[in-house]
Protein backbone atom coordinates (compact mmCIF):
# COMPACT_ATOMS: atom_id res chain seq x y z
CA UNK A 1 0.00 0.00 0.00
CA UNK A 2 1.42 3.38 -0.95
CA UNK A 3 -1.47 5.82 -0.69
CA UNK A 4 -1.20 8.81 1.65
CA UNK A 5 -3.98 7.39 3.79
CA UNK A 6 -1.83 4.34 4.60
CA UNK A 7 1.04 6.35 6.08
CA UNK A 8 1.55 6.86 9.78
CA UNK A 9 0.08 9.87 11.54
CA UNK A 10 3.39 11.13 12.93
CA UNK A 11 4.93 11.09 9.45
CA UNK A 12 1.86 12.72 7.90
CA UNK A 13 1.87 15.50 10.50
CA UNK A 14 5.54 16.16 9.80
CA UNK A 15 4.91 16.27 6.04
CA UNK A 16 2.03 18.69 6.50
CA UNK A 17 4.18 20.99 8.61
CA UNK A 18 7.03 20.89 6.10
CA UNK A 19 4.64 21.55 3.17
CA UNK A 20 5.43 18.21 1.54
CA UNK A 21 1.74 17.33 1.40
CA UNK A 22 -1.51 19.24 1.69
CA UNK A 23 -4.18 18.44 4.29
CA UNK A 24 -6.62 18.56 1.38
CA UNK A 25 -4.95 15.75 -0.55
CA UNK A 26 -4.62 13.69 2.62
CA UNK A 27 -8.32 14.09 3.39
CA UNK A 28 -9.25 13.15 -0.18
CA UNK A 29 -7.07 10.04 0.08
CA UNK A 30 -8.88 8.99 3.25
CA UNK A 31 -12.31 9.63 1.75
CA UNK A 32 -11.40 7.66 -1.36
CA UNK A 33 -10.37 4.69 0.78
CA UNK A 34 -13.61 4.89 2.77
CA UNK A 35 -15.67 4.93 -0.40
CA UNK A 36 -13.77 1.89 -1.69
CA UNK A 37 -13.84 -0.26 1.45
CA UNK A 38 -16.73 0.91 3.61
CA UNK A 39 -19.45 -0.87 1.59
CA UNK A 40 -17.76 -4.18 2.46
CA UNK A 41 -17.02 -3.54 6.13
CA UNK A 42 -19.60 -0.97 7.35
CA UNK A 43 -17.18 1.13 9.39
CA UNK A 44 -18.04 4.80 8.83
CA UNK A 45 -21.65 5.48 9.82
CA UNK A 46 -21.88 9.29 9.58
CA UNK A 47 -19.76 11.84 7.75
CA UNK A 48 -19.28 15.56 7.17
CA UNK A 49 -16.96 15.56 4.18
CA UNK A 50 -17.90 19.00 2.84
CA UNK A 51 -17.24 20.64 6.19
CA UNK A 52 -14.01 18.67 6.53
CA UNK A 53 -12.78 19.83 3.12
CA UNK A 54 -13.35 23.45 4.14
CA UNK A 55 -11.36 22.79 7.32
CA UNK A 56 -8.59 21.08 5.35
CA UNK A 57 -8.32 24.11 3.04
CA UNK A 58 -8.11 26.39 6.07
CA UNK A 59 -5.44 24.12 7.58
CA UNK A 60 -3.46 24.33 4.35
CA UNK A 61 -3.72 28.11 4.36
CA UNK A 62 -2.42 28.25 7.94
CA UNK A 63 0.61 26.20 6.96
CA UNK A 64 1.34 28.41 3.98
CA UNK A 65 0.94 31.54 6.12
CA UNK A 66 3.31 30.29 8.79
CA UNK A 67 0.68 30.22 11.52
CA UNK A 68 1.22 28.19 14.71
CA UNK A 69 0.17 24.59 14.12
CA UNK A 70 -1.42 22.19 16.59
CA UNK A 71 -0.28 18.66 17.38
CA UNK A 72 -2.77 17.17 14.90
CA UNK A 73 -2.83 19.99 12.38
CA UNK A 74 -4.46 18.79 9.18
CA UNK A 75 -4.86 15.14 10.23
CA UNK A 76 -8.26 13.57 9.48
CA UNK A 77 -9.67 11.72 12.48
CA UNK A 78 -12.65 9.45 12.96
CA UNK A 79 -14.56 9.75 16.22
CA UNK A 80 -16.20 6.75 17.82
CA UNK A 81 -19.97 7.14 17.71
CA UNK A 82 -20.17 7.26 21.51
CA UNK A 83 -18.57 10.73 21.61
CA UNK A 84 -20.70 13.81 20.98
CA UNK A 85 -19.68 15.79 17.89
CA UNK A 86 -21.10 19.24 17.20
CA UNK A 87 -23.13 19.28 14.00
CA UNK A 88 -22.38 15.63 13.20
CA UNK A 89 -24.85 12.87 13.97
CA UNK A 90 -24.09 10.96 17.16
CA UNK A 91 -26.29 7.90 17.69
CA UNK A 92 -24.42 5.97 20.43
CA UNK A 93 -25.35 2.98 18.27
CA UNK A 94 -28.93 3.28 19.55
CA UNK A 95 -32.25 3.63 17.77
CA UNK A 96 -33.23 6.00 20.58
CA UNK A 97 -30.68 8.50 19.22
CA UNK A 98 -30.86 7.63 15.53
CA UNK A 99 -31.36 11.26 14.49
CA UNK A 100 -29.40 12.96 17.27
CA UNK A 101 -27.15 15.86 16.18
CA UNK A 102 -25.35 17.43 19.16
CA UNK A 103 -25.04 21.19 19.44
CA UNK A 104 -21.54 20.99 20.89
CA UNK A 105 -18.53 18.72 21.09
CA UNK A 106 -17.72 16.87 24.25
CA UNK A 107 -14.35 17.79 25.73
CA UNK A 108 -12.35 14.95 24.18
CA UNK A 109 -13.51 15.97 20.70
CA UNK A 110 -13.05 19.68 21.34
CA UNK A 111 -9.46 19.00 22.42
CA UNK A 112 -8.79 17.20 19.15
CA UNK A 113 -10.22 20.07 17.11
CA UNK A 114 -8.23 22.60 19.14
CA UNK A 115 -5.04 20.77 18.16
CA UNK A 116 -5.91 20.95 14.46
CA UNK A 117 -7.51 17.54 13.97
CA UNK A 118 -10.15 17.43 11.24
CA UNK A 119 -13.20 15.48 12.42
CA UNK A 120 -14.68 14.06 9.23
CA UNK A 121 -16.67 10.99 10.24
CA UNK A 122 -18.03 8.75 12.99
CA UNK A 123 -17.07 5.10 13.42
CA UNK A 124 -19.46 2.30 14.30
CA UNK A 125 -19.95 0.96 17.83
CA UNK A 126 -22.35 -1.40 19.64
CA UNK A 127 -25.24 0.30 21.40
CA UNK A 128 -23.91 2.41 24.28
CA UNK A 129 -20.65 0.47 23.97
CA UNK A 130 -22.15 -2.73 25.40
CA UNK A 131 -20.48 -5.87 24.17
CA UNK A 132 -17.34 -6.80 22.31
CA UNK A 133 -19.05 -7.10 18.92
CA UNK A 134 -19.49 -3.92 16.88
CA UNK A 135 -23.10 -4.55 15.92
CA UNK A 136 -26.17 -2.44 16.63
CA UNK A 137 -29.80 -1.97 15.64
CA UNK A 138 -29.14 1.26 13.71
CA UNK A 139 -26.28 0.42 11.35
CA UNK A 140 -25.76 -3.32 11.68
CA UNK A 141 -22.42 -5.08 12.09
CA UNK A 142 -18.91 -3.96 11.21
CA UNK A 143 -16.82 -6.70 9.60
CA UNK A 144 -13.28 -7.70 10.40
CA UNK A 145 -10.84 -6.50 7.71
CA UNK A 146 -9.30 -9.99 7.57
CA UNK A 147 -12.69 -11.73 7.20
CA UNK A 148 -15.72 -9.46 6.78
CA UNK A 149 -18.08 -12.11 8.15
CA UNK A 150 -16.25 -12.19 11.47
CA UNK A 151 -16.32 -9.68 14.30
CA UNK A 152 -13.84 -6.88 14.83
CA UNK A 153 -14.81 -7.02 18.53
CA UNK A 154 -15.95 -3.85 20.27
CA UNK A 155 -16.89 -1.44 21.32
CA UNK A 156 -14.27 0.58 19.41
CA UNK A 157 -14.46 -1.83 16.49
CA UNK A 158 -15.27 0.78 13.87
CA UNK A 159 -12.21 2.83 14.79
CA UNK A 160 -9.96 -0.23 14.79
CA UNK A 161 -11.10 -1.39 11.34
CA UNK A 162 -10.87 2.14 9.96
CA UNK A 163 -7.22 2.29 10.98
CA UNK A 164 -6.38 -1.18 9.73
CA UNK A 165 -7.79 -0.38 6.29
CA UNK A 166 -6.27 3.09 5.92
CA UNK A 167 -9.52 5.04 6.18
CA UNK A 168 -7.84 7.49 8.57
CA UNK A 169 -4.48 7.84 10.33
CA UNK A 170 -5.89 8.15 13.87
CA UNK A 171 -9.22 7.41 15.55
CA UNK A 172 -10.74 7.75 18.99
CA UNK A 173 -11.98 4.97 21.23
CA UNK A 174 -13.12 4.19 24.73
CA UNK A 175 -12.58 1.30 27.11
CA UNK A 176 -14.43 -0.26 30.03
CA UNK A 177 -14.01 -4.02 29.79
CA UNK A 178 -11.61 -3.95 26.84
CA UNK A 179 -13.42 -1.78 24.29
CA UNK A 180 -10.19 -0.23 23.02
CA UNK A 181 -7.98 -3.24 23.49
CA UNK A 182 -9.93 -6.18 22.05
CA UNK A 183 -10.80 -4.43 18.74
CA UNK A 184 -7.18 -3.34 18.36
CA UNK A 185 -6.10 -6.96 18.76
CA UNK A 186 -8.71 -8.27 16.32
CA UNK A 187 -7.83 -5.73 13.61
CA UNK A 188 -4.06 -5.65 13.99
CA UNK A 189 -3.66 -2.08 15.26
CA UNK A 190 -2.67 -0.32 18.49
CA UNK A 191 -5.10 0.70 21.22
CA UNK A 192 -4.13 2.44 24.44
CA UNK A 193 -6.25 2.45 27.59
CA UNK A 194 -5.10 5.49 29.61
CA UNK A 195 -5.31 5.80 33.36
CA UNK A 196 -8.61 7.25 34.63
CA UNK A 197 -8.85 11.00 34.07
CA UNK A 198 -6.01 11.34 31.56
CA UNK A 199 -8.65 12.03 28.90
CA UNK A 200 -11.55 13.80 30.62
CA UNK A 201 -14.97 12.14 30.38
CA UNK A 202 -17.28 14.82 31.68
CA UNK A 203 -20.60 13.15 30.91
CA UNK A 204 -20.37 9.82 32.73
CA UNK A 205 -23.51 9.14 34.82
CA UNK A 206 -21.37 7.49 37.51
CA UNK A 207 -18.45 9.88 37.70
CA UNK A 208 -16.91 8.35 40.80
CA UNK A 209 -16.40 4.97 39.11
CA UNK A 210 -13.02 5.06 37.33
CA UNK A 211 -13.46 2.14 34.98
CA UNK A 212 -14.71 3.74 31.74
CA UNK A 213 -12.04 5.80 29.98
CA UNK A 214 -11.55 7.53 26.65
CA UNK A 215 -8.39 6.97 24.68
CA UNK A 216 -6.50 6.83 21.38
CA UNK A 217 -6.03 4.29 18.62
CA UNK A 218 -3.43 4.26 15.87
CA UNK A 219 -1.53 1.97 13.56
CA UNK A 220 1.51 2.19 15.83
CA UNK A 221 2.37 3.32 19.35
CA UNK A 222 3.76 6.70 18.30
CA UNK A 223 0.53 7.57 16.47
CA UNK A 224 -1.62 6.56 19.44
CA UNK A 225 0.62 8.60 21.75
CA UNK A 226 0.30 11.62 19.44
CA UNK A 227 -3.48 11.47 19.64
CA UNK A 228 -3.36 10.96 23.41
CA UNK A 229 -1.28 14.13 23.76
CA UNK A 230 -4.05 16.02 21.97
CA UNK A 231 -6.89 14.39 23.91
CA UNK A 232 -5.53 14.98 27.40
CA UNK A 233 -6.63 17.99 29.45
CA UNK A 234 -8.19 18.87 32.78
CA UNK A 235 -11.94 19.09 33.34
CA UNK A 236 -13.34 19.27 36.90
CA UNK A 237 -16.55 17.55 35.78
CA UNK A 238 -14.50 14.35 35.68
CA UNK A 239 -13.40 13.73 39.29
CA UNK A 240 -10.34 11.81 38.08
CA UNK A 241 -9.20 14.64 35.81
CA UNK A 242 -7.03 16.50 38.30
CA UNK A 243 -3.92 17.39 36.33
CA UNK A 244 -2.01 16.85 33.11
CA UNK A 245 0.93 14.48 32.99
CA UNK A 246 3.30 16.77 31.08
CA UNK A 247 5.39 13.81 29.94
CA UNK A 248 2.49 12.65 27.75
CA UNK A 249 2.80 15.81 25.66
CA UNK A 250 6.27 14.88 24.37
CA UNK A 251 6.96 12.41 21.53
CA UNK A 252 7.34 8.86 22.80
CA UNK A 253 10.85 7.43 23.10
CA UNK A 254 11.60 3.70 23.16
CA UNK A 255 12.31 2.26 26.58
CA UNK A 256 15.54 0.35 27.15
CA UNK A 257 14.07 -3.15 27.29
CA UNK A 258 17.32 -4.47 28.72
CA UNK A 259 16.41 -2.71 31.96
CA UNK A 260 12.72 -3.69 31.97
CA UNK A 261 11.38 -6.49 34.18
CA UNK A 262 8.21 -8.15 32.90
CA UNK A 263 5.65 -10.58 34.26
CA UNK A 264 4.34 -13.00 31.64
CA UNK A 265 0.87 -14.46 32.18
CA UNK A 266 -1.28 -16.40 29.73
CA UNK A 267 -4.54 -15.85 31.64
CA UNK A 268 -3.84 -13.40 34.51
CA UNK A 269 -4.69 -16.27 36.81
CA UNK A 270 -8.42 -15.74 36.30
CA UNK A 271 -9.45 -15.46 32.64
CA UNK A 272 -10.78 -18.19 30.35
CA UNK A 273 -8.41 -18.56 27.41
CA UNK A 274 -8.67 -21.12 24.63
CA UNK A 275 -6.03 -23.82 24.48
CA UNK A 276 -5.04 -22.61 21.03
CA UNK A 277 -4.47 -19.06 22.24
CA UNK A 278 -2.54 -20.22 25.30
CA UNK A 279 -0.17 -22.13 23.05
CA UNK A 280 0.05 -19.26 20.58
CA UNK A 281 0.84 -16.77 23.33
CA UNK A 282 3.58 -19.01 24.69
CA UNK A 283 5.05 -19.42 21.23
CA UNK A 284 5.00 -15.68 20.51
CA UNK A 285 6.48 -14.80 23.91
CA UNK A 286 9.34 -17.20 23.21
CA UNK A 287 10.40 -14.94 20.34
CA UNK A 288 10.87 -11.83 22.49
CA UNK A 289 11.13 -12.65 26.19
CA UNK A 290 14.95 -12.61 25.96
CA UNK A 291 14.97 -8.85 25.26
CA UNK A 292 13.90 -8.01 28.84
CA UNK A 293 16.11 -7.78 31.91
CA UNK A 294 13.78 -10.40 33.33
CA UNK A 295 10.63 -12.15 32.12
CA UNK A 296 9.01 -14.08 34.95
CA UNK A 297 6.05 -16.40 34.45
CA UNK A 298 3.69 -15.36 37.22
CA UNK A 299 -0.05 -14.65 37.64
CA UNK A 300 -1.40 -11.54 39.36
CA UNK A 301 -4.00 -12.01 42.10
CA UNK A 302 -7.43 -11.37 40.60
CA UNK A 303 -9.39 -13.51 43.03
CA UNK A 304 -13.08 -12.58 42.95
CA UNK A 305 -12.70 -10.33 39.90
CA UNK A 306 -15.60 -11.78 37.90
CA UNK A 307 -18.30 -11.06 40.47
CA UNK A 308 -16.68 -7.72 41.26
CA UNK A 309 -16.78 -6.69 37.61
CA UNK A 310 -20.33 -7.89 37.02
CA UNK A 311 -21.70 -6.05 40.06
CA UNK A 312 -19.94 -2.74 39.44
CA UNK A 313 -20.73 -2.83 35.73
CA UNK A 314 -24.33 -3.50 36.72
CA UNK A 315 -24.30 -0.36 38.88
CA UNK A 316 -23.02 1.69 35.94
CA UNK A 317 -25.58 0.28 33.50
CA UNK A 318 -28.56 0.67 35.80
CA UNK A 319 -27.50 4.27 36.43
CA UNK A 320 -27.02 5.06 32.73
CA UNK A 321 -29.69 2.92 31.05
CA UNK A 322 -32.14 1.63 33.65
CA UNK A 323 -34.88 4.05 32.69
CA UNK A 324 -34.36 3.38 28.97
CA UNK A 325 -34.71 -0.36 29.48
CA UNK A 326 -37.85 0.13 31.57
CA UNK A 327 -39.56 2.31 28.98
CA UNK A 328 -38.08 1.26 25.61
CA UNK A 329 -36.96 -2.33 26.17
CA UNK A 330 -37.95 -3.59 22.72
CA UNK A 331 -35.88 -0.87 21.02
CA UNK A 332 -32.65 -1.70 22.84
CA UNK A 333 -30.07 -4.37 22.00
CA UNK A 334 -29.86 -7.52 24.15
CA UNK A 335 -26.46 -6.71 25.65
CA UNK A 336 -27.71 -3.46 27.20
CA UNK A 337 -30.86 -5.16 28.47
CA UNK A 338 -28.80 -8.00 29.93
CA UNK A 339 -26.51 -5.63 31.83
CA UNK A 340 -29.43 -3.73 33.33
CA UNK A 341 -31.45 -6.83 34.21
CA UNK A 342 -28.55 -8.52 35.95
CA UNK A 343 -27.57 -5.29 37.66
CA UNK A 344 -31.03 -4.99 39.19
CA UNK A 345 -30.72 -8.45 40.72
CA UNK A 346 -27.86 -7.41 43.00
CA UNK A 347 -28.44 -6.03 46.50
CA UNK A 348 -26.58 -3.56 48.69
CA UNK A 349 -24.43 -6.27 50.22
CA UNK A 350 -23.35 -7.37 46.73
CA UNK A 351 -22.37 -3.79 45.87
CA UNK A 352 -20.47 -3.33 49.14
CA UNK A 353 -18.63 -6.62 48.65
CA UNK A 354 -17.73 -5.65 45.07
CA UNK A 355 -16.21 -2.35 46.21
CA UNK A 356 -14.17 -4.14 48.87
CA UNK A 357 -12.98 -6.71 46.32
CA UNK A 358 -12.10 -4.02 43.80
CA UNK A 359 -10.04 -2.15 46.38
CA UNK A 360 -8.11 -5.32 47.24
CA UNK A 361 -7.59 -6.14 43.55
CA UNK A 362 -6.15 -2.67 42.95
CA UNK A 363 -3.82 -2.86 45.95
CA UNK A 364 -2.61 -6.30 44.92
CA UNK A 365 -2.05 -5.02 41.39
CA UNK A 366 -0.05 -2.04 42.64
CA UNK A 367 2.11 -4.30 44.79
CA UNK A 368 3.26 -6.17 41.68
CA UNK A 369 5.13 -3.12 40.47
CA UNK A 370 7.38 -2.93 43.48
CA UNK A 371 9.73 -5.31 41.66
CA UNK A 372 8.53 -5.37 38.02
CA UNK A 373 7.74 -2.80 35.34
CA UNK A 374 5.00 -4.32 33.16
CA UNK A 375 2.68 -7.29 32.86
CA UNK A 376 2.30 -8.94 29.44
CA UNK A 377 -0.65 -11.16 28.55
CA UNK A 378 -2.84 -11.96 25.52
CA UNK A 379 -5.32 -9.31 24.42
CA UNK A 380 -8.12 -11.76 23.63
CA UNK A 381 -9.18 -15.22 24.74
CA UNK A 382 -9.93 -16.77 21.37
CA UNK A 383 -9.97 -16.12 17.62
CA UNK A 384 -12.59 -13.73 16.16
CA UNK A 385 -16.06 -15.25 15.88
CA UNK A 386 -18.85 -14.61 13.31
CA UNK A 387 -20.40 -11.20 13.91
CA UNK A 388 -23.85 -12.74 13.44
CA UNK A 389 -23.34 -14.02 16.99
CA UNK A 390 -23.53 -11.42 19.75
CA UNK A 391 -20.66 -12.82 21.83
CA UNK A 392 -18.50 -15.86 22.65
CA UNK A 393 -20.79 -18.33 24.39
CA UNK A 394 -18.23 -21.11 24.98
CA UNK A 395 -14.50 -21.70 24.88
CA UNK A 396 -13.16 -25.21 24.27
CA UNK A 397 -16.57 -26.64 25.14
CA UNK A 398 -16.90 -24.70 28.41
CA UNK A 399 -19.98 -22.48 28.50
CA UNK A 400 -19.40 -18.86 29.48
CA UNK A 401 -21.65 -17.88 32.42
CA UNK A 402 -22.20 -14.33 31.12
CA UNK A 403 -21.83 -12.62 27.76
CA UNK A 404 -18.81 -10.73 29.13
CA UNK A 405 -16.82 -13.59 30.66
CA UNK A 406 -14.72 -14.23 27.57
CA UNK A 407 -13.37 -10.67 28.01
CA UNK A 408 -11.85 -11.29 31.43
CA UNK A 409 -8.34 -10.78 30.04
CA UNK A 410 -9.21 -7.12 29.60
CA UNK A 411 -11.83 -6.48 32.28
CA UNK A 412 -9.69 -7.90 35.10
CA UNK A 413 -7.04 -5.16 34.62
CA UNK A 414 -9.86 -2.60 34.34
CA UNK A 415 -10.86 -3.45 37.92
CA UNK A 416 -7.35 -2.39 38.97
CA UNK A 417 -7.70 0.94 37.08
CA UNK A 418 -4.69 -0.09 35.00
CA UNK A 419 -3.31 1.58 31.91
CA UNK A 420 -2.44 -0.69 29.02
CA UNK A 421 -1.40 -0.88 25.39
CA UNK A 422 -2.33 -3.56 22.85
CA UNK A 423 0.25 -4.43 20.23
CA UNK A 424 -0.28 -6.50 17.06
CA UNK A 425 1.64 -9.77 17.29
CA UNK A 426 1.18 -11.56 13.96
CA UNK A 427 -1.75 -13.81 13.06
CA UNK A 428 -3.31 -16.90 14.59
CA UNK A 429 -3.94 -20.31 13.03
CA UNK A 430 -7.13 -18.98 11.39
CA UNK A 431 -5.24 -16.17 9.67
CA UNK A 432 -6.75 -13.56 12.02
CA UNK A 433 -4.77 -10.89 13.89
CA UNK A 434 -3.38 -11.79 17.31
CA UNK A 435 -2.52 -9.15 19.90
CA UNK A 436 -0.82 -8.84 23.28
CA UNK A 437 -1.35 -6.41 26.15
CA UNK A 438 1.41 -4.44 27.90
CA UNK A 439 -0.08 -3.42 31.25
CA UNK A 440 1.08 -1.14 34.05
CA UNK A 441 -0.23 0.50 37.21
CA UNK A 442 -2.47 3.59 37.06
CA UNK A 443 -0.39 6.71 36.41
CA UNK A 444 2.34 4.87 34.49
CA UNK A 445 0.99 5.84 31.06
CA UNK A 446 4.23 7.26 29.69
CA UNK A 447 6.26 4.30 30.92
CA UNK A 448 3.86 1.74 29.45
CA UNK A 449 3.84 3.54 26.10
CA UNK A 450 7.64 3.64 26.02
CA UNK A 451 7.90 -0.08 26.78
CA UNK A 452 5.22 -0.81 24.16
CA UNK A 453 7.03 1.32 21.57
CA UNK A 454 10.28 -0.56 22.12
CA UNK A 455 8.57 -3.96 22.06
CA UNK A 456 6.68 -2.94 18.92
CA UNK A 457 10.00 -2.48 17.17
CA UNK A 458 11.11 -5.96 18.24
CA UNK A 459 7.85 -7.52 17.03
CA UNK A 460 8.01 -5.67 13.70
CA UNK A 461 11.44 -7.17 12.97
CA UNK A 462 10.08 -10.73 12.97
CA UNK A 463 7.63 -11.85 10.24
CA UNK A 464 5.87 -14.11 12.78
CA UNK A 465 5.06 -11.19 15.07
CA UNK A 466 4.87 -8.21 12.69
CA UNK A 467 1.64 -6.25 12.28
CA UNK A 468 -0.60 -7.98 9.72
CA UNK A 469 -1.97 -5.91 6.84
CA UNK A 470 -5.41 -6.60 5.32
CA UNK A 471 -5.84 -7.04 1.58
CA UNK A 472 -7.36 -3.73 0.51
CA UNK A 473 -7.89 -4.85 -3.07
CA UNK A 474 -10.09 -7.75 -1.96
CA UNK A 475 -12.10 -5.46 0.33
CA UNK A 476 -12.65 -2.75 -2.28
CA UNK A 477 -15.89 -2.54 -4.24
């Protein structure tokens, strides 16, 4: 692939600033790719191309006039359809908001615009972000770029597929139980879950719960870090947004892996993982574990994490969607209904116990980093499944007790308020992308990104672990 839209965001931003390319031609390249591939994959669900072209022309004029340029100046960006965008339809993947056009941007989007990003489209998501399958009752399912009949996971699946197929150089996402990380793994791109508050989320119904975060996606770590630098700010409406980590504003440098101590865990001691993915993870780790100062096989303590996650997620869903399910149940997707129904079955003792368990999980997680730097584990439990199914119902013949259980590899770290980066790590036996997580304690965002950037370089040097690239010609109409 040699089109402008396939190049990395950091390089494109440099070329815009040095007048090697025009923001207008970059935008046109992205739109052309969308028009070629979107009919096959159903990624972009709303667009404002005319407005974006006007903004791209203005961005070009600013470059030519020598005006100060923002971090993202002239870069087209897709916004996940859970984030409010002024003047651009925002449905949250829900029929209840099918015609909703916000009058203003939410803070994360405004920050991107303020740094020169050109918001030109919205990417598909499951309804209200519920479920790791980007499928909803408004737009339908988004296909995986390596097999359009399979899922790209969710809830940031549209953004992940858009990046993998060159529709845009950067895209936004969000993450509760793995909504940034699992789609990144299934599409062969990078997703970064920041620590709570790094990207302000001012509209959360349960602001004192730290688990849902906004964050960046890119085709590599440097691109994701560039977007994160633009997204981050302070907003007192998010109780966890108390200050800016100034280190996140600087370009990412590779960590010295020879001084990094890693824990290696195939299942975090708690997550269901298919036998095939356990073996694949072990094989892939064998290709890079030698680069670390130490790589110890050890499981964190996530005892009780499943019940803890289910209860606290139930609290969040009843708070956000309880009234909608009561009054519009037939218009809402089954994953949202399931979360609310199960949430209402818990009592005060369950909620109290979940908070106690979550506190212990976080303290145990923090204690790990007294003698190690990162934890590395798979990003998903099994190969992508057909998107006609809502979720993974069984793994190796073992039935999953809830629709979320197969995501324990990502929701367990969420309960510890971790930050984490997913890296592409080749393909699995089915020819589908395989990804790994690099996880750290809350507040270690810069460190995790630097370790991930260095490991990314190691993985890219080996054909078995390099980032897979979808066949654009086969996807084009």
